Amino acid sequence: MFEISEEFNIEAGHKIFGYNGTSSKLKRVDWKIKITAKVKELNPKQMCLDYEEFQGILEKIVSKLHHHNLDKLEEFCYKNSTAETVARYIFNQASEKLNDGNVEIKEVKIKNSYNRIIKYYNENKGNDNEEF
């Protein structure tokens, strides 16, 4: 079993409706996003997968969020655009595009500018506490 990860930095705007803290007003967020996939077998080139293809697929998902007001995106118009819901959205989108029996998205981590980390993973697939 192998793991491959890709990291992205995004800047976006959002607010949390029904919340009394600083996030109740529209604010900018700077998030570091790490997406990790598990790979069972190497491909014929002895690689987990084509790194450029992996990065390109994930970049298309993440770029939809970068430099946008998340609250105005269709994906978040009926729910708060928290790091938790964004991590789940990225996980589901990446899983839909990459999971094929050999490759499986393991987890998505989002680290904010306060060094708080949220991790979303499929409970049935296990997890660990590696550094981010």
N, C-alpha and C. Protein backbone atom coordinates (compact mmCIF):
# COMPACT_ATOMS: atom_id res chain seq x y z
N MET A 1 0.85 -1.18 0.00
CA MET A 1 0.00 0.00 0.00
C MET A 1 0.89 1.24 0.00
N PHE A 2 0.53 2.20 -0.84
CA PHE A 2 1.26 3.46 -0.93
C PHE A 2 0.30 4.61 -0.65
N GLU A 3 0.86 5.76 -0.33
CA GLU A 3 0.07 6.98 -0.19
C GLU A 3 0.73 8.07 -1.01
N ILE A 4 -0.10 8.91 -1.59
CA ILE A 4 0.37 10.07 -2.32
C ILE A 4 -0.48 11.25 -1.87
N SER A 5 0.17 12.40 -1.66
CA SER A 5 -0.54 13.60 -1.21
C SER A 5 -0.20 14.77 -2.11
N GLU A 6 -1.14 15.69 -2.17
CA GLU A 6 -0.94 16.94 -2.88
C GLU A 6 -1.44 18.04 -1.97
N GLU A 7 -0.70 19.15 -1.94
CA GLU A 7 -1.08 20.28 -1.09
C GLU A 7 -1.37 21.50 -1.94
N PHE A 8 -2.35 22.27 -1.49
CA PHE A 8 -2.75 23.51 -2.16
C PHE A 8 -2.96 24.58 -1.10
N ASN A 9 -2.72 25.81 -1.47
CA ASN A 9 -3.04 26.96 -0.63
C ASN A 9 -4.16 27.73 -1.32
N ILE A 10 -5.19 28.06 -0.57
CA ILE A 10 -6.25 28.87 -1.15
C ILE A 10 -6.55 30.06 -0.25
N GLU A 11 -7.06 31.10 -0.87
CA GLU A 11 -7.61 32.26 -0.18
C GLU A 11 -9.05 32.35 -0.64
N ALA A 12 -9.95 32.52 0.31
CA ALA A 12 -11.36 32.61 -0.02
C ALA A 12 -12.05 33.47 1.01
N GLY A 13 -13.29 33.79 0.77
CA GLY A 13 -14.10 34.53 1.72
C GLY A 13 -15.26 33.67 2.16
N HIS A 14 -15.69 33.87 3.40
CA HIS A 14 -16.89 33.17 3.89
C HIS A 14 -17.32 33.77 5.21
N LYS A 15 -18.52 33.42 5.61
CA LYS A 15 -18.99 33.72 6.95
C LYS A 15 -19.82 32.55 7.41
N ILE A 16 -19.96 32.43 8.71
CA ILE A 16 -20.72 31.32 9.28
C ILE A 16 -22.02 31.89 9.83
N PHE A 17 -23.10 31.50 9.22
CA PHE A 17 -24.42 31.97 9.63
C PHE A 17 -24.83 31.30 10.94
N GLY A 18 -25.44 32.08 11.84
CA GLY A 18 -25.89 31.54 13.11
C GLY A 18 -24.78 31.39 14.14
N TYR A 19 -23.65 31.99 13.89
CA TYR A 19 -22.48 31.89 14.78
C TYR A 19 -22.22 33.26 15.38
N ASN A 20 -21.82 33.33 16.64
CA ASN A 20 -21.63 34.61 17.31
C ASN A 20 -20.17 35.06 17.38
N GLY A 21 -19.25 34.31 16.82
CA GLY A 21 -17.84 34.67 16.86
C GLY A 21 -17.43 35.55 15.69
N THR A 22 -16.12 35.69 15.51
CA THR A 22 -15.60 36.57 14.45
C THR A 22 -15.97 36.08 13.06
N SER A 23 -16.24 34.81 12.91
CA SER A 23 -16.60 34.27 11.60
C SER A 23 -18.06 34.55 11.23
N SER A 24 -18.79 35.28 12.07
CA SER A 24 -20.17 35.62 11.74
C SER A 24 -20.24 36.73 10.71
N LYS A 25 -19.10 37.40 10.46
CA LYS A 25 -19.01 38.45 9.44
C LYS A 25 -18.14 37.94 8.30
N LEU A 26 -18.42 38.41 7.11
CA LEU A 26 -17.64 38.00 5.95
C LEU A 26 -16.17 38.29 6.21
N LYS A 27 -15.32 37.27 6.01
CA LYS A 27 -13.89 37.42 6.24
C LYS A 27 -13.12 36.58 5.25
N ARG A 28 -11.87 36.92 5.12
CA ARG A 28 -10.97 36.16 4.26
C ARG A 28 -10.36 35.02 5.07
N VAL A 29 -10.23 33.87 4.41
CA VAL A 29 -9.56 32.74 5.03
C VAL A 29 -8.39 32.32 4.15
N ASP A 30 -7.33 31.90 4.79
CA ASP A 30 -6.16 31.34 4.12
C ASP A 30 -6.04 29.90 4.60
N TRP A 31 -6.27 28.98 3.70
CA TRP A 31 -6.26 27.58 4.06
C TRP A 31 -5.20 26.83 3.28
N LYS A 32 -4.53 25.92 3.97
CA LYS A 32 -3.64 24.96 3.34
C LYS A 32 -4.41 23.64 3.30
N ILE A 33 -4.55 23.09 2.11
CA ILE A 33 -5.35 21.89 1.92
C ILE A 33 -4.43 20.75 1.50
N LYS A 34 -4.54 19.62 2.18
CA LYS A 34 -3.75 18.44 1.85
C LYS A 34 -4.71 17.29 1.55
N ILE A 35 -4.59 16.74 0.35
CA ILE A 35 -5.43 15.64 -0.09
C ILE A 35 -4.55 14.41 -0.24
N THR A 36 -4.92 13.34 0.43
CA THR A 36 -4.12 12.12 0.43
C THR A 36 -4.93 10.97 -0.16
N ALA A 37 -4.28 10.22 -1.04
CA ALA A 37 -4.89 9.02 -1.64
C ALA A 37 -4.05 7.80 -1.27
N LYS A 38 -4.74 6.68 -1.12
CA LYS A 38 -4.07 5.38 -0.93
C LYS A 38 -4.04 4.68 -2.28
N VAL A 39 -2.93 4.00 -2.54
CA VAL A 39 -2.77 3.28 -3.80
C VAL A 39 -2.32 1.85 -3.47
N LYS A 40 -3.05 0.87 -3.97
CA LYS A 40 -2.73 -0.53 -3.68
C LYS A 40 -1.52 -1.02 -4.46
N GLU A 41 -1.53 -0.80 -5.77
CA GLU A 41 -0.49 -1.34 -6.63
C GLU A 41 0.10 -0.24 -7.50
N LEU A 42 1.39 -0.36 -7.80
CA LEU A 42 2.04 0.58 -8.70
C LEU A 42 1.57 0.34 -10.13
N ASN A 43 1.60 1.39 -10.93
CA ASN A 43 1.22 1.26 -12.33
C ASN A 43 2.39 0.66 -13.13
N PRO A 44 2.23 0.40 -14.42
CA PRO A 44 3.31 -0.21 -15.21
C PRO A 44 4.61 0.60 -15.22
N LYS A 45 4.53 1.89 -14.93
CA LYS A 45 5.74 2.72 -14.87
C LYS A 45 6.37 2.69 -13.47
N GLN A 46 5.81 1.85 -12.59
CA GLN A 46 6.28 1.71 -11.21
C GLN A 46 6.05 2.98 -10.40
N MET A 47 4.94 3.66 -10.67
CA MET A 47 4.53 4.86 -9.95
C MET A 47 3.15 4.59 -9.34
N CYS A 48 2.85 5.32 -8.26
CA CYS A 48 1.50 5.21 -7.69
C CYS A 48 0.46 5.55 -8.75
N LEU A 49 0.67 6.66 -9.42
CA LEU A 49 -0.16 7.11 -10.51
C LEU A 49 0.55 8.27 -11.18
N ASP A 50 0.01 8.74 -12.25
CA ASP A 50 0.60 9.87 -12.96
C ASP A 50 0.45 11.11 -12.08
N TYR A 51 1.56 11.61 -11.57
CA TYR A 51 1.52 12.74 -10.63
C TYR A 51 0.88 13.97 -11.24
N GLU A 52 1.18 14.25 -12.49
CA GLU A 52 0.62 15.43 -13.14
C GLU A 52 -0.89 15.30 -13.30
N GLU A 53 -1.34 14.10 -13.64
CA GLU A 53 -2.78 13.88 -13.77
C GLU A 53 -3.46 14.02 -12.40
N PHE A 54 -2.87 13.44 -11.36
CA PHE A 54 -3.38 13.53 -10.00
C PHE A 54 -3.51 14.99 -9.58
N GLN A 55 -2.43 15.73 -9.76
CA GLN A 55 -2.41 17.14 -9.37
C GLN A 55 -3.42 17.95 -10.19
N GLY A 56 -3.52 17.66 -11.48
CA GLY A 56 -4.45 18.39 -12.34
C GLY A 56 -5.90 18.18 -11.95
N ILE A 57 -6.27 16.95 -11.63
CA ILE A 57 -7.64 16.65 -11.21
C ILE A 57 -7.96 17.38 -9.92
N LEU A 58 -7.04 17.31 -8.96
CA LEU A 58 -7.28 17.96 -7.66
C LEU A 58 -7.29 19.48 -7.80
N GLU A 59 -6.43 20.00 -8.65
CA GLU A 59 -6.36 21.45 -8.84
C GLU A 59 -7.68 21.99 -9.40
N LYS A 60 -8.32 21.24 -10.28
CA LYS A 60 -9.62 21.67 -10.83
C LYS A 60 -10.66 21.77 -9.72
N ILE A 61 -10.62 20.86 -8.78
CA ILE A 61 -11.57 20.88 -7.67
C ILE A 61 -11.29 22.06 -6.76
N VAL A 62 -10.04 22.22 -6.37
CA VAL A 62 -9.66 23.26 -5.40
C VAL A 62 -9.76 24.65 -6.02
N SER A 63 -9.44 24.79 -7.30
CA SER A 63 -9.44 26.11 -7.93
C SER A 63 -10.84 26.71 -7.98
N LYS A 64 -11.87 25.87 -7.90
CA LYS A 64 -13.24 26.37 -7.84
C LYS A 64 -13.49 27.19 -6.58
N LEU A 65 -12.68 26.96 -5.57
CA LEU A 65 -12.84 27.62 -4.27
C LEU A 65 -11.93 28.84 -4.12
N HIS A 66 -10.79 28.80 -4.79
CA HIS A 66 -9.74 29.82 -4.62
C HIS A 66 -10.22 31.18 -5.13
N HIS A 67 -10.03 32.20 -4.28
CA HIS A 67 -10.40 33.59 -4.60
C HIS A 67 -11.89 33.76 -4.85
N HIS A 68 -12.71 33.01 -4.14
CA HIS A 68 -14.16 33.14 -4.26
C HIS A 68 -14.78 33.34 -2.88
N ASN A 69 -15.96 33.95 -2.88
CA ASN A 69 -16.78 33.97 -1.68
C ASN A 69 -17.49 32.61 -1.66
N LEU A 70 -17.09 31.75 -0.76
CA LEU A 70 -17.61 30.38 -0.73
C LEU A 70 -19.12 30.34 -0.54
N ASP A 71 -19.66 31.34 0.17
CA ASP A 71 -21.09 31.37 0.43
C ASP A 71 -21.92 31.55 -0.84
N LYS A 72 -21.30 32.04 -1.88
CA LYS A 72 -22.02 32.28 -3.14
C LYS A 72 -21.90 31.12 -4.12
N LEU A 73 -21.10 30.12 -3.78
CA LEU A 73 -20.97 28.95 -4.64
C LEU A 73 -22.16 28.01 -4.42
N GLU A 74 -22.62 27.42 -5.50
CA GLU A 74 -23.78 26.53 -5.44
C GLU A 74 -23.59 25.42 -4.40
N GLU A 75 -22.37 24.92 -4.26
CA GLU A 75 -22.10 23.81 -3.34
C GLU A 75 -22.35 24.17 -1.88
N PHE A 76 -22.32 25.46 -1.55
CA PHE A 76 -22.45 25.87 -0.15
C PHE A 76 -23.61 26.84 0.09
N CYS A 77 -24.48 27.02 -0.90
CA CYS A 77 -25.53 28.03 -0.73
C CYS A 77 -26.57 27.64 0.32
N TYR A 78 -26.67 26.37 0.67
CA TYR A 78 -27.65 25.95 1.69
C TYR A 78 -26.99 25.43 2.96
N LYS A 79 -25.68 25.64 3.10
CA LYS A 79 -24.99 25.21 4.31
C LYS A 79 -23.82 26.15 4.56
N ASN A 80 -23.36 26.19 5.78
CA ASN A 80 -22.21 27.04 6.10
C ASN A 80 -20.96 26.50 5.42
N SER A 81 -20.18 27.41 4.91
CA SER A 81 -18.94 27.04 4.21
C SER A 81 -17.78 26.99 5.21
N THR A 82 -17.91 26.10 6.17
CA THR A 82 -16.87 25.92 7.18
C THR A 82 -15.75 25.06 6.61
N ALA A 83 -14.63 25.01 7.31
CA ALA A 83 -13.54 24.13 6.89
C ALA A 83 -14.04 22.68 6.84
N GLU A 84 -14.94 22.33 7.73
CA GLU A 84 -15.48 20.97 7.77
C GLU A 84 -16.26 20.64 6.50
N THR A 85 -17.18 21.54 6.10
CA THR A 85 -17.98 21.25 4.91
C THR A 85 -17.14 21.34 3.64
N VAL A 86 -16.14 22.21 3.63
CA VAL A 86 -15.25 22.31 2.47
C VAL A 86 -14.41 21.04 2.35
N ALA A 87 -13.89 20.54 3.47
CA ALA A 87 -13.09 19.30 3.44
C ALA A 87 -13.93 18.14 2.92
N ARG A 88 -15.17 18.04 3.39
CA ARG A 88 -16.05 16.96 2.91
C ARG A 88 -16.35 17.11 1.43
N TYR A 89 -16.59 18.34 0.98
CA TYR A 89 -16.85 18.60 -0.44
C TYR A 89 -15.65 18.15 -1.29
N ILE A 90 -14.45 18.55 -0.90
CA ILE A 90 -13.24 18.18 -1.66
C ILE A 90 -13.08 16.66 -1.66
N PHE A 91 -13.26 16.03 -0.50
CA PHE A 91 -13.14 14.58 -0.39
C PHE A 91 -14.10 13.89 -1.36
N ASN A 92 -15.35 14.30 -1.35
CA ASN A 92 -16.36 13.66 -2.20
C ASN A 92 -16.07 13.88 -3.68
N GLN A 93 -15.67 15.09 -4.05
CA GLN A 93 -15.35 15.38 -5.44
C GLN A 93 -14.13 14.58 -5.91
N ALA A 94 -13.09 14.56 -5.08
CA ALA A 94 -11.86 13.83 -5.43
C ALA A 94 -12.15 12.33 -5.51
N SER A 95 -12.94 11.81 -4.60
CA SER A 95 -13.29 10.39 -4.60
C SER A 95 -14.03 10.02 -5.87
N GLU A 96 -14.96 10.87 -6.26
CA GLU A 96 -15.75 10.61 -7.47
C GLU A 96 -14.86 10.55 -8.72
N LYS A 97 -13.84 11.37 -8.76
CA LYS A 97 -12.99 11.44 -9.94
C LYS A 97 -11.83 10.44 -9.93
N LEU A 98 -11.36 10.02 -8.74
CA LEU A 98 -10.14 9.23 -8.67
C LEU A 98 -10.31 7.80 -8.17
N ASN A 99 -11.29 7.54 -7.31
CA ASN A 99 -11.44 6.18 -6.77
C ASN A 99 -11.75 5.20 -7.88
N ASP A 100 -10.89 4.16 -8.01
CA ASP A 100 -11.07 3.22 -9.11
C ASP A 100 -10.80 1.77 -8.70
N GLY A 101 -10.72 1.50 -7.40
CA GLY A 101 -10.40 0.14 -6.96
C GLY A 101 -8.93 -0.01 -6.60
N ASN A 102 -8.06 0.74 -7.28
CA ASN A 102 -6.63 0.75 -6.95
C ASN A 102 -6.28 2.03 -6.20
N VAL A 103 -6.87 3.12 -6.61
CA VAL A 103 -6.65 4.43 -5.98
C VAL A 103 -7.91 4.78 -5.19
N GLU A 104 -7.69 5.27 -3.97
CA GLU A 104 -8.82 5.68 -3.13
C GLU A 104 -8.42 6.89 -2.31
N ILE A 105 -9.25 7.93 -2.32
CA ILE A 105 -8.97 9.10 -1.49
C ILE A 105 -9.08 8.67 -0.03
N LYS A 106 -8.03 8.97 0.72
CA LYS A 106 -7.98 8.58 2.13
C LYS A 106 -8.54 9.68 3.03
N GLU A 107 -8.08 10.93 2.79
CA GLU A 107 -8.50 12.02 3.68
C GLU A 107 -8.19 13.36 3.04
N VAL A 108 -8.86 14.37 3.58
CA VAL A 108 -8.59 15.76 3.23
C VAL A 108 -8.39 16.51 4.54
N LYS A 109 -7.27 17.22 4.62
CA LYS A 109 -6.98 18.05 5.79
C LYS A 109 -6.96 19.51 5.37
N ILE A 110 -7.52 20.36 6.21
CA ILE A 110 -7.47 21.79 5.99
C ILE A 110 -6.87 22.43 7.24
N LYS A 111 -5.83 23.21 7.02
CA LYS A 111 -5.15 23.93 8.10
C LYS A 111 -5.40 25.41 7.89
N ASN A 112 -5.89 26.08 8.93
CA ASN A 112 -6.13 27.52 8.78
C ASN A 112 -4.94 28.32 9.26
N SER A 113 -5.05 29.63 9.16
CA SER A 113 -3.91 30.49 9.51
C SER A 113 -3.61 30.49 11.01
N TYR A 114 -4.49 29.91 11.82
CA TYR A 114 -4.24 29.78 13.26
C TYR A 114 -3.65 28.42 13.60
N ASN A 115 -3.26 27.65 12.57
CA ASN A 115 -2.70 26.30 12.72
C ASN A 115 -3.69 25.31 13.31
N ARG A 116 -4.97 25.58 13.14
CA ARG A 116 -5.98 24.59 13.50
C ARG A 116 -6.21 23.70 12.29
N ILE A 117 -6.35 22.42 12.54
CA ILE A 117 -6.48 21.47 11.44
C ILE A 117 -7.80 20.70 11.57
N ILE A 118 -8.50 20.62 10.46
CA ILE A 118 -9.69 19.78 10.38
C ILE A 118 -9.38 18.67 9.38
N LYS A 119 -9.81 17.47 9.67
CA LYS A 119 -9.56 16.34 8.78
C LYS A 119 -10.88 15.64 8.50
N TYR A 120 -11.13 15.38 7.21
CA TYR A 120 -12.30 14.60 6.83
C TYR A 120 -11.82 13.31 6.18
N TYR A 121 -12.39 12.19 6.59
CA TYR A 121 -12.03 10.89 6.04
C TYR A 121 -13.25 9.99 6.11
N ASN A 122 -13.19 8.91 5.38
CA ASN A 122 -14.24 7.90 5.42
C ASN A 122 -13.98 7.04 6.64
N GLU A 123 -14.90 7.04 7.57
CA GLU A 123 -14.73 6.33 8.84
C GLU A 123 -14.39 4.86 8.66
N ASN A 124 -14.88 4.26 7.62
CA ASN A 124 -14.65 2.84 7.38
C ASN A 124 -13.27 2.55 6.83
N LYS A 125 -12.51 3.57 6.47
CA LYS A 125 -11.23 3.35 5.83
C LYS A 125 -10.04 3.56 6.77
N GLY A 126 -10.28 4.00 8.01
CA GLY A 126 -9.18 4.19 8.96
C GLY A 126 -8.52 5.54 8.79
N ASN A 127 -7.67 5.88 9.76
CA ASN A 127 -6.94 7.15 9.70
C ASN A 127 -5.74 7.07 10.62
N ASP A 128 -4.92 8.08 10.57
CA ASP A 128 -3.77 8.18 11.47
C ASP A 128 -3.60 9.64 11.87
N ASN A 129 -2.61 9.91 12.65
CA ASN A 129 -2.38 11.26 13.14
C ASN A 129 -1.05 11.83 12.66
N GLU A 130 -0.71 11.61 11.41
CA GLU A 130 0.57 12.10 10.89
C GLU A 130 0.61 13.62 10.90
N GLU A 131 1.80 14.16 10.92
CA GLU A 131 1.99 15.61 10.92
C GLU A 131 1.53 16.21 9.61
N PHE A 132 1.11 17.46 9.70
CA PHE A 132 0.66 18.18 8.51
C PHE A 132 1.35 19.53 8.50
